Amino acid sequence: RSKQSEETYKFLDEEMKRFLNWVLIWILMANIGFMALWFIGAPQRWWEIGVIGFTGLIAKRFPFWLRYFAFLGVMTYSVLVFIGGLFNLNISSLMHSVRFFLELKPANSYEYIGVGIALLFILGMAFQLMKRDQNFSRPILIVAAGGLFLGLALADIQMGQGMRGHYKRTAPNGAEFTSATSATGFAARADGKRHLVLILVESLGAPNGNKEIQRLMFKPYKDSDAIAARYEMSEGKTLYYNSTTAGEVRELCGRWGDYYDLVDKKDDGCMPAQMAKKGYATIAMHSFTETFFKRGLWYPNIGFEKREFEKDLRQAGARRCGGVFAGACDRDIPAHIGNTLRAAEKPTFLYWLTLNSHLPVPPGLNLDVDNCERVSPVLARDFPQICRQFTIYHDIDIALIKEITAKDFPESDILLVGDHMPPYFDRHHRTQFDPEHVPWLYLRHKDSAAVAETR
C-alpha cells in the first residue's frame, strides 16, 4: 500500500477508537443501568437518552474534567426524571421534593442500597473511561453516533409500550375534578351532630384485574358484623394525579394541584377551614415529621387548628416503626384517634395521613410484615412486596375497626381513600393496580334509632 493509504488507514483506526470510546461512555455507561430495567418495568426515558447523546456530542471535544462534569450533570438529570416517573412526579414537583431527601432512611431498603451501589459503580467506571480520547470528527461517525442514541430512544419507547399511563400522571388543563370527599358528600355531614374522620391511606391503589387484591380490599370492614350494625358502607374509585401531597390537596381542598402555593398563603376554601367556620375543631395527624413537605407550615393555612406529628403521636403512646420513612406505627394511631374524639368538647373534623405503607415496605423494623401469609398466602407466593404492604393495611383496618365499633366511640362518619397507586418499581407488581384511580370506603354512621335496633 502507498504511504498515503497507510496514513488514511491509521487515521481511520484512531478515529474509530475515539468513536468507540464515545459510544462506551455516552451510549452504554449512561444508559445501561436503565436498560437493565426494560424487562421488569420502568418509566420511558427516550427524551433523556436524546439529551445525553446530544450532550456527549458537544462535550467530546472538552477537557477531561469538563466532560466528566457534563456526564455527571446529564446523569443527575436522568436519574431525577426517572425517580419522578416512578413516583408520578413531574420534574417541578420532584425539585420541590429533593430538599426533603435527607429526612429519609434509604439504608433500610435493600432495593435502594442496590441501586445506590450500581450508580456509584457506573460513575466510577465512567470516570476512568472518560480519560480516553473521544473527540472523533468524521461526519459519517457523527451521523452514526446520532443514529445510535436515536435508535436507543426508539427501543426505549417500544420496551415501555403499554406502561405509559403508569408514570408521570399530571392533571391536564381542564381535567374534570373528582374526589372521594366530593363523591360521598362527606363535608355535607358536618351538621354539628357527629365527628368526621378522613383518612388518606399511603399508596392504597385500586386493583387492576387481580382477584386476590380485589378480595382483600377493605375486607376486614366487609366481614365485620359490628361495622354493618353501626355504619352504612359504600365504596368506589376516584381519579388521582401526582403524589401524596397532591392527593391531600385533592381531598382537603377540592381541586387538582399541590401544596406549594399553600405554604405562604391561606386557602379558606379548603375543608378544614370550612369545618372551622361551622364550629368544628380541626385536627391533622401524620406519623412522620412536620418538616417533611412543610406540612407544619401549610396545614394551618388550610384550617387545621391542631397538628400532631410523629413526636406528638409517640408521646401519646404510639410505638416507632422503621422503613425508608421511619416514624410512628400506623397501627397504634386508631386508639389515639378514639381517645381524642371521646375527649372532644365539640364536633371535630379529624384528618389522618398514614405512613408505614410507603414503598418499599421492608421486613423487620417493627412493621409486623414478616409473616404476611397471615393475610394472604396467595400474595406471599406471587407478589411478596404487595403482601407486605397489604399486611400494613390489614393491621390498620383491624385496629380502626376495634376503635370505631367500641360502645363508647362517639357518633362519627369515617372516609378512607388512597392518595395514589403504589409506585412499585417493577412491571410485575405495578401492573396489578389501576394506573388512574384510587379506591375509597365510606362508613356513614346510621341514625341513633337504627343503631339501637341492631344492638
Protein backbone atom coordinates (compact mmCIF):
# COMPACT_ATOMS: atom_id res chain seq x y z
CA ARG A 1 0.00 0.00 0.00
CA SER A 2 1.12 3.56 -0.66
CA LYS A 3 2.25 5.81 2.18
CA GLN A 4 -0.92 7.89 1.71
CA SER A 5 -3.12 4.81 2.05
CA GLU A 6 -1.32 3.73 5.22
CA GLU A 7 -1.85 7.17 6.74
CA THR A 8 -5.52 7.01 5.81
CA TYR A 9 -5.96 3.62 7.49
CA LYS A 10 -4.11 4.86 10.55
CA PHE A 11 -6.34 7.93 10.71
CA LEU A 12 -9.48 5.82 10.40
CA ASP A 13 -8.22 3.49 13.10
CA GLU A 14 -7.65 6.36 15.53
CA GLU A 15 -11.00 7.89 14.62
CA MET A 16 -12.75 4.58 15.24
CA LYS A 17 -11.08 4.25 18.63
CA ARG A 18 -12.32 7.71 19.61
CA PHE A 19 -15.80 6.87 18.33
CA LEU A 20 -15.92 3.60 20.26
CA ASN A 21 -14.70 5.39 23.40
CA TRP A 22 -17.56 7.86 22.97
CA VAL A 23 -20.11 5.07 22.45
CA LEU A 24 -18.87 3.24 25.53
CA ILE A 25 -19.42 6.31 27.74
CA TRP A 26 -22.38 8.24 26.32
CA ILE A 27 -24.43 5.33 24.99
CA LEU A 28 -23.53 2.31 27.11
CA MET A 29 -22.43 3.60 30.55
CA ALA A 30 -25.01 6.41 30.59
CA ASN A 31 -27.91 4.08 29.83
CA ILE A 32 -27.01 0.51 30.78
CA GLY A 33 -28.49 0.75 34.27
CA PHE A 34 -31.83 1.91 32.89
CA MET A 35 -31.74 -0.57 30.01
CA ALA A 36 -31.37 -3.40 32.53
CA LEU A 37 -34.81 -2.44 33.84
CA TRP A 38 -36.57 -2.77 30.49
CA PHE A 39 -37.63 -6.32 31.22
CA ILE A 40 -39.02 -5.67 34.72
CA GLY A 41 -40.61 -2.30 34.00
CA ALA A 42 -39.59 1.34 34.20
CA PRO A 43 -40.70 4.80 33.02
CA GLN A 44 -39.96 5.65 29.40
CA ARG A 45 -36.92 7.89 29.09
CA TRP A 46 -36.46 8.45 25.34
CA TRP A 47 -36.07 12.18 25.90
CA GLU A 48 -33.28 11.70 28.45
CA ILE A 49 -31.46 9.34 26.04
CA GLY A 50 -31.55 12.09 23.43
CA VAL A 51 -30.34 14.74 25.89
CA ILE A 52 -27.43 12.54 26.94
CA GLY A 53 -26.47 11.79 23.32
CA PHE A 54 -26.52 15.43 22.19
CA THR A 55 -24.58 16.47 25.31
CA GLY A 56 -21.97 13.82 24.56
CA LEU A 57 -21.51 15.08 21.01
CA ILE A 58 -20.96 18.61 22.27
CA ALA A 59 -18.75 17.64 25.22
CA LYS A 60 -16.46 15.19 23.35
CA ARG A 61 -14.03 17.96 22.48
CA PHE A 62 -13.90 19.36 26.06
CA PRO A 63 -11.06 18.75 28.53
CA PHE A 64 -11.40 15.72 30.81
CA TRP A 65 -12.95 17.43 33.84
CA LEU A 66 -15.48 19.38 31.79
CA ARG A 67 -16.51 16.17 30.01
CA TYR A 68 -16.94 14.34 33.29
CA PHE A 69 -18.94 17.16 34.88
CA ALA A 70 -21.17 17.19 31.80
CA PHE A 71 -21.65 13.44 32.24
CA LEU A 72 -22.49 13.91 35.93
CA GLY A 73 -24.95 16.64 35.01
CA VAL A 74 -26.92 14.63 32.47
CA MET A 75 -26.85 11.53 34.69
CA THR A 76 -28.21 13.51 37.63
CA TYR A 77 -30.95 14.92 35.42
CA SER A 78 -31.77 11.48 34.04
CA VAL A 79 -31.92 9.84 37.50
CA LEU A 80 -34.12 12.60 38.90
CA VAL A 81 -36.57 12.40 36.00
CA PHE A 82 -36.60 8.61 36.34
CA ILE A 83 -37.39 8.84 40.06
CA GLY A 84 -40.09 11.39 39.29
CA GLY A 85 -41.61 8.96 36.82
CA LEU A 86 -41.67 6.14 39.36
CA PHE A 87 -43.46 8.30 41.93
CA ASN A 88 -45.75 10.10 39.47
CA LEU A 89 -43.94 13.41 39.88
CA ASN A 90 -43.09 15.87 37.14
CA ILE A 91 -39.66 17.48 37.34
CA SER A 92 -41.03 20.61 39.05
CA SER A 93 -42.70 18.56 41.78
CA LEU A 94 -39.58 16.46 42.18
CA MET A 95 -37.34 19.50 42.63
CA HIS A 96 -39.64 20.65 45.42
CA SER A 97 -39.13 17.21 46.97
CA VAL A 98 -35.34 16.93 46.68
CA ARG A 99 -34.75 19.18 49.67
CA PHE A 100 -36.51 16.63 51.91
CA PHE A 101 -34.45 13.59 50.88
CA LEU A 102 -32.19 13.89 53.94
CA GLU A 103 -35.15 13.02 56.16
CA LEU A 104 -35.41 9.57 54.56
CA LYS A 105 -33.60 6.38 55.57
CA PRO A 106 -32.80 4.60 52.28
CA ALA A 107 -30.38 2.27 54.10
CA ASN A 108 -33.48 0.47 55.46
CA SER A 109 -34.25 -0.75 51.94
CA TYR A 110 -32.15 -3.36 50.12
CA GLU A 111 -33.60 -2.03 46.85
CA TYR A 112 -32.26 1.47 47.43
CA ILE A 113 -28.89 0.15 48.62
CA GLY A 114 -28.55 -1.95 45.46
CA VAL A 115 -29.46 0.97 43.20
CA GLY A 116 -27.01 3.23 45.02
CA ILE A 117 -24.15 0.75 44.62
CA ALA A 118 -24.91 0.27 40.92
CA LEU A 119 -25.00 4.03 40.32
CA LEU A 120 -21.68 4.57 42.09
CA PHE A 121 -20.14 1.77 40.01
CA ILE A 122 -21.33 3.38 36.77
CA LEU A 123 -20.00 6.80 37.78
CA GLY A 124 -16.66 5.27 38.78
CA MET A 125 -16.31 3.38 35.50
CA ALA A 126 -17.25 6.49 33.55
CA PHE A 127 -14.57 8.44 35.42
CA GLN A 128 -11.90 6.00 34.24
CA LEU A 129 -13.20 5.71 30.68
CA MET A 130 -13.58 9.48 30.32
CA LYS A 131 -9.78 9.81 30.34
CA ARG A 132 -9.68 8.25 26.88
CA ASP A 133 -9.78 10.44 23.79
CA GLN A 134 -13.29 10.52 22.29
CA ASN A 135 -13.10 13.57 20.02
CA PHE A 136 -13.86 11.91 16.68
CA SER A 137 -14.58 14.24 13.78
CA ARG A 138 -15.52 12.29 10.64
CA PRO A 139 -19.09 13.24 9.55
CA ILE A 140 -20.07 9.63 8.96
CA LEU A 141 -19.21 8.74 12.56
CA ILE A 142 -21.12 11.74 13.89
CA VAL A 143 -24.16 10.58 11.93
CA ALA A 144 -23.61 7.06 13.30
CA ALA A 145 -23.49 8.42 16.86
CA GLY A 146 -26.78 10.23 16.31
CA GLY A 147 -28.29 7.10 14.85
CA LEU A 148 -27.22 5.08 17.87
CA PHE A 149 -28.84 7.27 20.51
CA LEU A 150 -31.94 7.88 18.40
CA GLY A 151 -32.24 4.15 17.83
CA LEU A 152 -31.85 3.54 21.55
CA ALA A 153 -34.57 6.11 22.25
CA LEU A 154 -36.93 4.30 19.86
CA ALA A 155 -36.09 0.98 21.53
CA ASP A 156 -36.92 2.52 24.91
CA ILE A 157 -40.31 3.66 23.61
CA GLN A 158 -41.00 0.17 22.29
CA MET A 159 -39.96 -1.56 25.53
CA GLY A 160 -42.21 0.74 27.56
CA GLN A 161 -45.23 0.21 25.32
CA GLY A 162 -48.43 -0.22 27.32
CA MET A 163 -46.99 1.27 30.53
CA ARG A 164 -47.19 4.96 29.67
CA GLY A 165 -50.23 5.61 31.86
CA HIS A 166 -48.45 4.21 34.89
CA TYR A 167 -45.97 7.07 35.13
CA LYS A 168 -45.83 10.87 35.36
CA ARG A 169 -49.53 11.45 35.97
CA THR A 170 -50.03 15.21 35.97
CA ALA A 171 -53.51 16.70 35.73
CA PRO A 172 -54.04 18.07 32.20
CA ASN A 173 -55.55 21.51 31.74
CA GLY A 174 -59.31 21.36 32.10
CA ALA A 175 -59.33 17.89 33.68
CA GLU A 176 -62.69 17.19 35.30
CA PHE A 177 -62.30 17.16 39.06
CA THR A 178 -63.29 14.19 41.19
CA SER A 179 -62.50 13.15 44.75
CA ALA A 180 -63.77 10.77 47.40
CA THR A 181 -64.95 13.65 49.58
CA SER A 182 -67.00 15.14 46.75
CA ALA A 183 -68.37 11.78 45.55
CA THR A 184 -69.65 10.85 49.01
CA GLY A 185 -70.93 14.25 50.11
CA PHE A 186 -68.70 13.82 53.14
CA ALA A 187 -68.45 17.51 54.07
CA ALA A 188 -72.23 17.95 53.98
CA ARG A 189 -72.48 15.72 57.04
CA ALA A 190 -70.92 18.45 59.16
CA ASP A 191 -74.15 19.41 60.94
CA GLY A 192 -72.67 19.57 64.43
CA LYS A 193 -74.17 16.21 65.43
CA ARG A 194 -71.25 13.94 64.62
CA HIS A 195 -67.49 13.88 64.16
CA LEU A 196 -65.95 13.47 60.70
CA VAL A 197 -62.80 11.40 60.21
CA LEU A 198 -60.91 11.50 56.90
CA ILE A 199 -58.07 9.00 56.46
CA LEU A 200 -55.71 9.28 53.48
CA VAL A 201 -54.01 5.90 53.13
CA GLU A 202 -50.47 5.96 51.76
CA SER A 203 -50.07 4.10 48.42
CA LEU A 204 -53.51 2.47 48.54
CA GLY A 205 -54.23 1.63 44.91
CA ALA A 206 -57.29 0.22 43.16
CA PRO A 207 -56.99 -3.38 41.88
CA ASN A 208 -56.42 -3.87 38.16
CA GLY A 209 -57.84 -7.34 37.48
CA ASN A 210 -56.07 -9.09 40.35
CA LYS A 211 -58.77 -11.14 42.11
CA GLU A 212 -56.82 -11.62 45.33
CA ILE A 213 -56.16 -7.90 45.75
CA GLN A 214 -59.82 -7.24 44.95
CA ARG A 215 -60.85 -9.78 47.60
CA LEU A 216 -58.63 -8.19 50.24
CA MET A 217 -59.59 -4.59 49.52
CA PHE A 218 -61.43 -3.33 52.65
CA LYS A 219 -62.15 -6.98 53.57
CA PRO A 220 -62.00 -6.53 57.38
CA TYR A 221 -64.76 -3.91 57.22
CA LYS A 222 -66.94 -6.06 54.97
CA ASP A 223 -66.52 -9.07 57.27
CA SER A 224 -67.37 -7.15 60.44
CA ASP A 225 -70.89 -7.51 61.84
CA ALA A 226 -70.16 -4.63 64.21
CA ILE A 227 -69.38 -2.34 61.26
CA ALA A 228 -72.58 -3.41 59.48
CA ALA A 229 -74.60 -2.71 62.63
CA ARG A 230 -73.35 0.83 63.07
CA TYR A 231 -72.42 2.10 59.60
CA GLU A 232 -73.81 2.25 56.10
CA MET A 233 -70.89 1.17 53.96
CA SER A 234 -70.20 2.25 50.37
CA GLU A 235 -67.10 2.15 48.20
CA GLY A 236 -65.85 3.44 44.89
CA LYS A 237 -62.88 4.83 42.96
CA THR A 238 -61.68 8.31 42.16
CA LEU A 239 -59.09 9.77 39.80
CA TYR A 240 -55.70 10.74 41.16
CA TYR A 241 -52.83 12.77 39.78
CA ASN A 242 -49.28 13.19 41.05
CA SER A 243 -48.17 12.10 44.54
CA THR A 244 -49.25 12.21 48.20
CA THR A 245 -49.39 15.97 48.72
CA ALA A 246 -51.46 16.33 45.56
CA GLY A 247 -53.78 13.68 47.00
CA GLU A 248 -54.10 15.75 50.16
CA VAL A 249 -54.99 18.87 48.18
CA ARG A 250 -57.48 16.82 46.14
CA GLU A 251 -59.38 15.56 49.18
CA LEU A 252 -58.94 18.52 51.53
CA CYS A 253 -59.20 21.46 49.13
CA GLY A 254 -61.35 20.06 46.32
CA ARG A 255 -59.07 20.81 43.39
CA TRP A 256 -56.14 19.48 41.38
CA GLY A 257 -52.84 20.92 42.47
CA ASP A 258 -50.14 20.63 45.09
CA TYR A 259 -49.08 22.24 48.34
CA TYR A 260 -46.57 24.80 47.01
CA ASP A 261 -48.92 27.77 46.92
CA LEU A 262 -50.28 26.91 50.38
CA VAL A 263 -47.01 27.37 52.24
CA ASP A 264 -47.19 31.17 52.23
CA LYS A 265 -50.90 31.88 51.92
CA LYS A 266 -54.19 30.66 53.33
CA ASP A 267 -56.96 28.91 51.45
CA ASP A 268 -60.25 29.35 53.29
CA GLY A 269 -61.99 27.19 50.71
CA CYS A 270 -60.34 24.03 51.98
CA MET A 271 -62.40 21.62 54.05
CA PRO A 272 -60.69 22.20 57.42
CA ALA A 273 -61.28 25.95 57.17
CA GLN A 274 -64.89 25.38 56.15
CA MET A 275 -65.38 22.97 59.06
CA ALA A 276 -63.92 25.50 61.47
CA LYS A 277 -66.48 28.06 60.27
CA LYS A 278 -69.21 25.58 61.19
CA GLY A 279 -67.89 25.31 64.73
CA TYR A 280 -65.84 22.15 64.31
CA ALA A 281 -62.50 21.57 65.94
CA THR A 282 -59.96 20.66 63.25
CA ILE A 283 -57.09 18.25 63.86
CA ALA A 284 -54.48 16.81 61.47
CA MET A 285 -52.35 13.76 62.30
CA HIS A 286 -49.39 12.33 60.41
CA SER A 287 -46.95 9.67 61.59
CA PHE A 288 -43.88 11.42 60.09
CA THR A 289 -42.19 14.76 60.76
CA GLU A 290 -43.87 18.15 60.35
CA THR A 291 -40.98 19.48 58.25
CA PHE A 292 -41.46 16.86 55.51
CA PHE A 293 -43.13 18.66 52.59
CA LYS A 294 -43.56 21.58 55.02
CA ARG A 295 -46.81 20.20 56.44
CA GLY A 296 -46.18 22.10 59.64
CA LEU A 297 -46.50 25.30 57.60
CA TRP A 298 -49.34 24.68 55.16
CA TYR A 299 -51.65 22.59 57.37
CA PRO A 300 -52.51 25.73 59.42
CA ASN A 301 -53.07 27.66 56.20
CA ILE A 302 -55.89 25.33 55.14
CA GLY A 303 -57.59 25.49 58.52
CA PHE A 304 -56.10 22.87 60.84
CA GLU A 305 -56.08 24.39 64.32
CA LYS A 306 -54.16 21.47 65.85
CA ARG A 307 -51.45 19.34 64.25
CA GLU A 308 -49.93 16.17 65.63
CA PHE A 309 -46.87 14.61 64.03
CA GLU A 310 -44.50 11.77 64.92
CA LYS A 311 -43.20 13.29 68.16
CA ASP A 312 -46.72 14.05 69.41
CA LEU A 313 -48.08 10.64 68.42
CA ARG A 314 -45.14 8.86 70.08
CA GLN A 315 -45.81 10.80 73.26
CA ALA A 316 -49.45 9.70 73.03
CA GLY A 317 -48.37 6.06 73.08
CA ALA A 318 -47.60 5.07 69.50
CA ARG A 319 -44.54 2.89 69.00
CA ARG A 320 -41.84 3.56 66.43
CA CYS A 321 -41.85 1.72 63.10
CA GLY A 322 -38.92 1.67 60.71
CA GLY A 323 -38.66 1.76 56.94
CA VAL A 324 -37.42 4.33 54.45
CA PHE A 325 -39.92 6.65 56.15
CA ALA A 326 -39.34 5.79 59.82
CA GLY A 327 -41.97 7.22 62.15
CA ALA A 328 -44.86 6.32 64.42
CA CYS A 329 -46.57 2.96 63.88
CA ASP A 330 -49.83 3.46 61.99
CA ARG A 331 -51.48 0.51 63.74
CA ASP A 332 -51.21 2.43 67.02
CA ILE A 333 -52.90 5.61 65.78
CA PRO A 334 -56.58 4.46 65.80
CA ALA A 335 -56.50 4.12 69.59
CA HIS A 336 -55.28 7.71 69.83
CA ILE A 337 -58.00 8.83 67.42
CA GLY A 338 -60.58 7.16 69.64
CA ASN A 339 -59.23 8.82 72.78
CA THR A 340 -59.12 12.19 71.03
CA LEU A 341 -62.74 12.03 69.88
CA ARG A 342 -64.00 10.71 73.22
CA ALA A 343 -62.41 13.70 74.94
CA ALA A 344 -63.63 16.22 72.33
CA GLU A 345 -65.65 19.10 73.72
CA LYS A 346 -67.23 19.94 70.36
CA PRO A 347 -67.73 18.23 67.00
CA THR A 348 -64.40 17.50 65.38
CA PHE A 349 -63.02 17.10 61.89
CA LEU A 350 -60.05 14.78 62.23
CA TYR A 351 -57.69 14.07 59.33
CA TRP A 352 -55.05 11.34 59.41
CA LEU A 353 -52.38 10.71 56.77
CA THR A 354 -50.85 7.24 57.21
CA LEU A 355 -47.17 6.44 56.67
CA ASN A 356 -45.93 2.86 57.04
CA SER A 357 -47.23 1.52 53.70
CA HIS A 358 -44.92 3.86 51.78
CA LEU A 359 -42.86 1.77 49.39
CA PRO A 360 -40.72 -0.16 49.72
CA VAL A 361 -42.09 -1.96 52.79
CA PRO A 362 -39.07 -3.85 54.19
CA PRO A 363 -39.22 -6.87 56.51
CA GLY A 364 -38.47 -6.39 60.21
CA LEU A 365 -38.21 -2.91 61.75
CA ASN A 366 -41.33 -3.46 63.92
CA LEU A 367 -43.63 -3.35 60.89
CA ASP A 368 -45.07 -6.83 61.61
CA VAL A 369 -44.98 -7.84 57.94
CA ASP A 370 -42.54 -10.75 58.00
CA ASN A 371 -45.34 -13.30 58.19
CA CYS A 372 -47.59 -11.76 55.58
CA GLU A 373 -49.03 -15.21 54.85
CA ARG A 374 -51.43 -14.49 57.71
CA VAL A 375 -53.13 -12.00 55.41
CA SER A 376 -52.74 -13.74 52.05
CA PRO A 377 -50.79 -16.92 51.19
CA VAL A 378 -51.52 -16.12 47.53
CA LEU A 379 -49.83 -12.71 47.64
CA ALA A 380 -47.00 -14.10 49.75
CA ARG A 381 -46.27 -16.60 46.98
CA ASP A 382 -46.82 -14.45 43.88
CA PHE A 383 -46.42 -10.83 44.98
CA PRO A 384 -44.35 -10.66 48.20
CA GLN A 385 -43.97 -6.88 48.12
CA ILE A 386 -47.73 -6.38 47.76
CA CYS A 387 -48.25 -8.96 50.50
CA ARG A 388 -46.16 -6.93 52.97
CA GLN A 389 -47.98 -3.76 52.02
CA PHE A 390 -51.41 -5.32 52.47
CA THR A 391 -50.34 -6.60 55.88
CA ILE A 392 -49.82 -2.95 56.86
CA TYR A 393 -53.32 -2.13 55.60
CA HIS A 394 -54.81 -5.13 57.39
CA ASP A 395 -53.31 -4.15 60.74
CA ILE A 396 -54.52 -0.57 60.37
CA ASP A 397 -58.02 -1.82 59.46
CA ILE A 398 -58.23 -4.20 62.43
CA ALA A 399 -57.08 -1.50 64.85
CA LEU A 400 -59.50 1.04 63.37
CA ILE A 401 -62.47 -1.36 63.42
CA LYS A 402 -61.80 -2.19 67.06
CA GLU A 403 -61.90 1.51 67.87
CA ILE A 404 -64.85 2.73 65.82
CA THR A 405 -67.12 -0.14 66.87
CA ALA A 406 -66.47 0.28 70.60
CA LYS A 407 -69.63 1.13 72.55
CA ASP A 408 -68.21 4.41 73.81
CA PHE A 409 -66.90 5.57 70.42
CA PRO A 410 -68.81 8.77 69.60
CA GLU A 411 -71.00 9.10 66.52
CA SER A 412 -68.71 9.66 63.54
CA ASP A 413 -68.52 9.28 59.78
CA ILE A 414 -65.27 7.75 58.52
CA LEU A 415 -63.91 8.05 54.98
CA LEU A 416 -60.81 6.16 53.85
CA VAL A 417 -59.19 6.89 50.48
CA GLY A 418 -55.87 6.21 48.74
CA ASP A 419 -53.55 9.03 47.75
CA HIS A 420 -52.04 7.42 44.63
CA MET A 421 -51.37 3.98 43.19
CA PRO A 422 -48.46 2.13 44.83
CA PRO A 423 -45.36 3.10 42.82
CA TYR A 424 -43.86 -0.35 42.55
CA PHE A 425 -40.57 -0.44 40.72
CA ASP A 426 -41.22 -3.49 38.56
CA ARG A 427 -43.91 -4.16 35.98
CA HIS A 428 -44.92 -7.44 37.67
CA HIS A 429 -46.14 -5.65 40.81
CA ARG A 430 -47.04 -2.28 39.33
CA THR A 431 -49.50 -3.54 36.74
CA GLN A 432 -51.65 -5.18 39.42
CA PHE A 433 -53.06 -1.72 40.14
CA ASP A 434 -55.20 0.72 38.20
CA PRO A 435 -52.83 3.46 36.91
CA GLU A 436 -55.52 6.16 37.04
CA HIS A 437 -57.73 5.57 40.09
CA VAL A 438 -57.55 5.04 43.84
CA PRO A 439 -60.22 3.35 45.98
CA TRP A 440 -62.30 4.78 48.78
CA LEU A 441 -64.51 3.36 51.53
CA TYR A 442 -67.16 5.44 53.28
CA LEU A 443 -68.57 4.40 56.65
CA ARG A 444 -71.62 6.60 57.16
CA HIS A 445 -72.95 6.42 60.68
CA LYS A 446 -76.54 5.23 60.86
CA ASP A 447 -79.01 7.32 62.80
CA SER A 448 -79.18 6.56 66.52
CA ALA A 449 -82.50 4.70 66.29
CA ALA A 450 -81.19 2.33 63.58
CA VAL A 451 -78.06 1.59 65.60
CA ALA A 452 -80.11 0.93 68.75
CA GLU A 453 -82.31 -1.58 66.90
CA THR A 454 -79.28 -3.69 65.94
CA ARG A 455 -77.96 -3.95 69.47
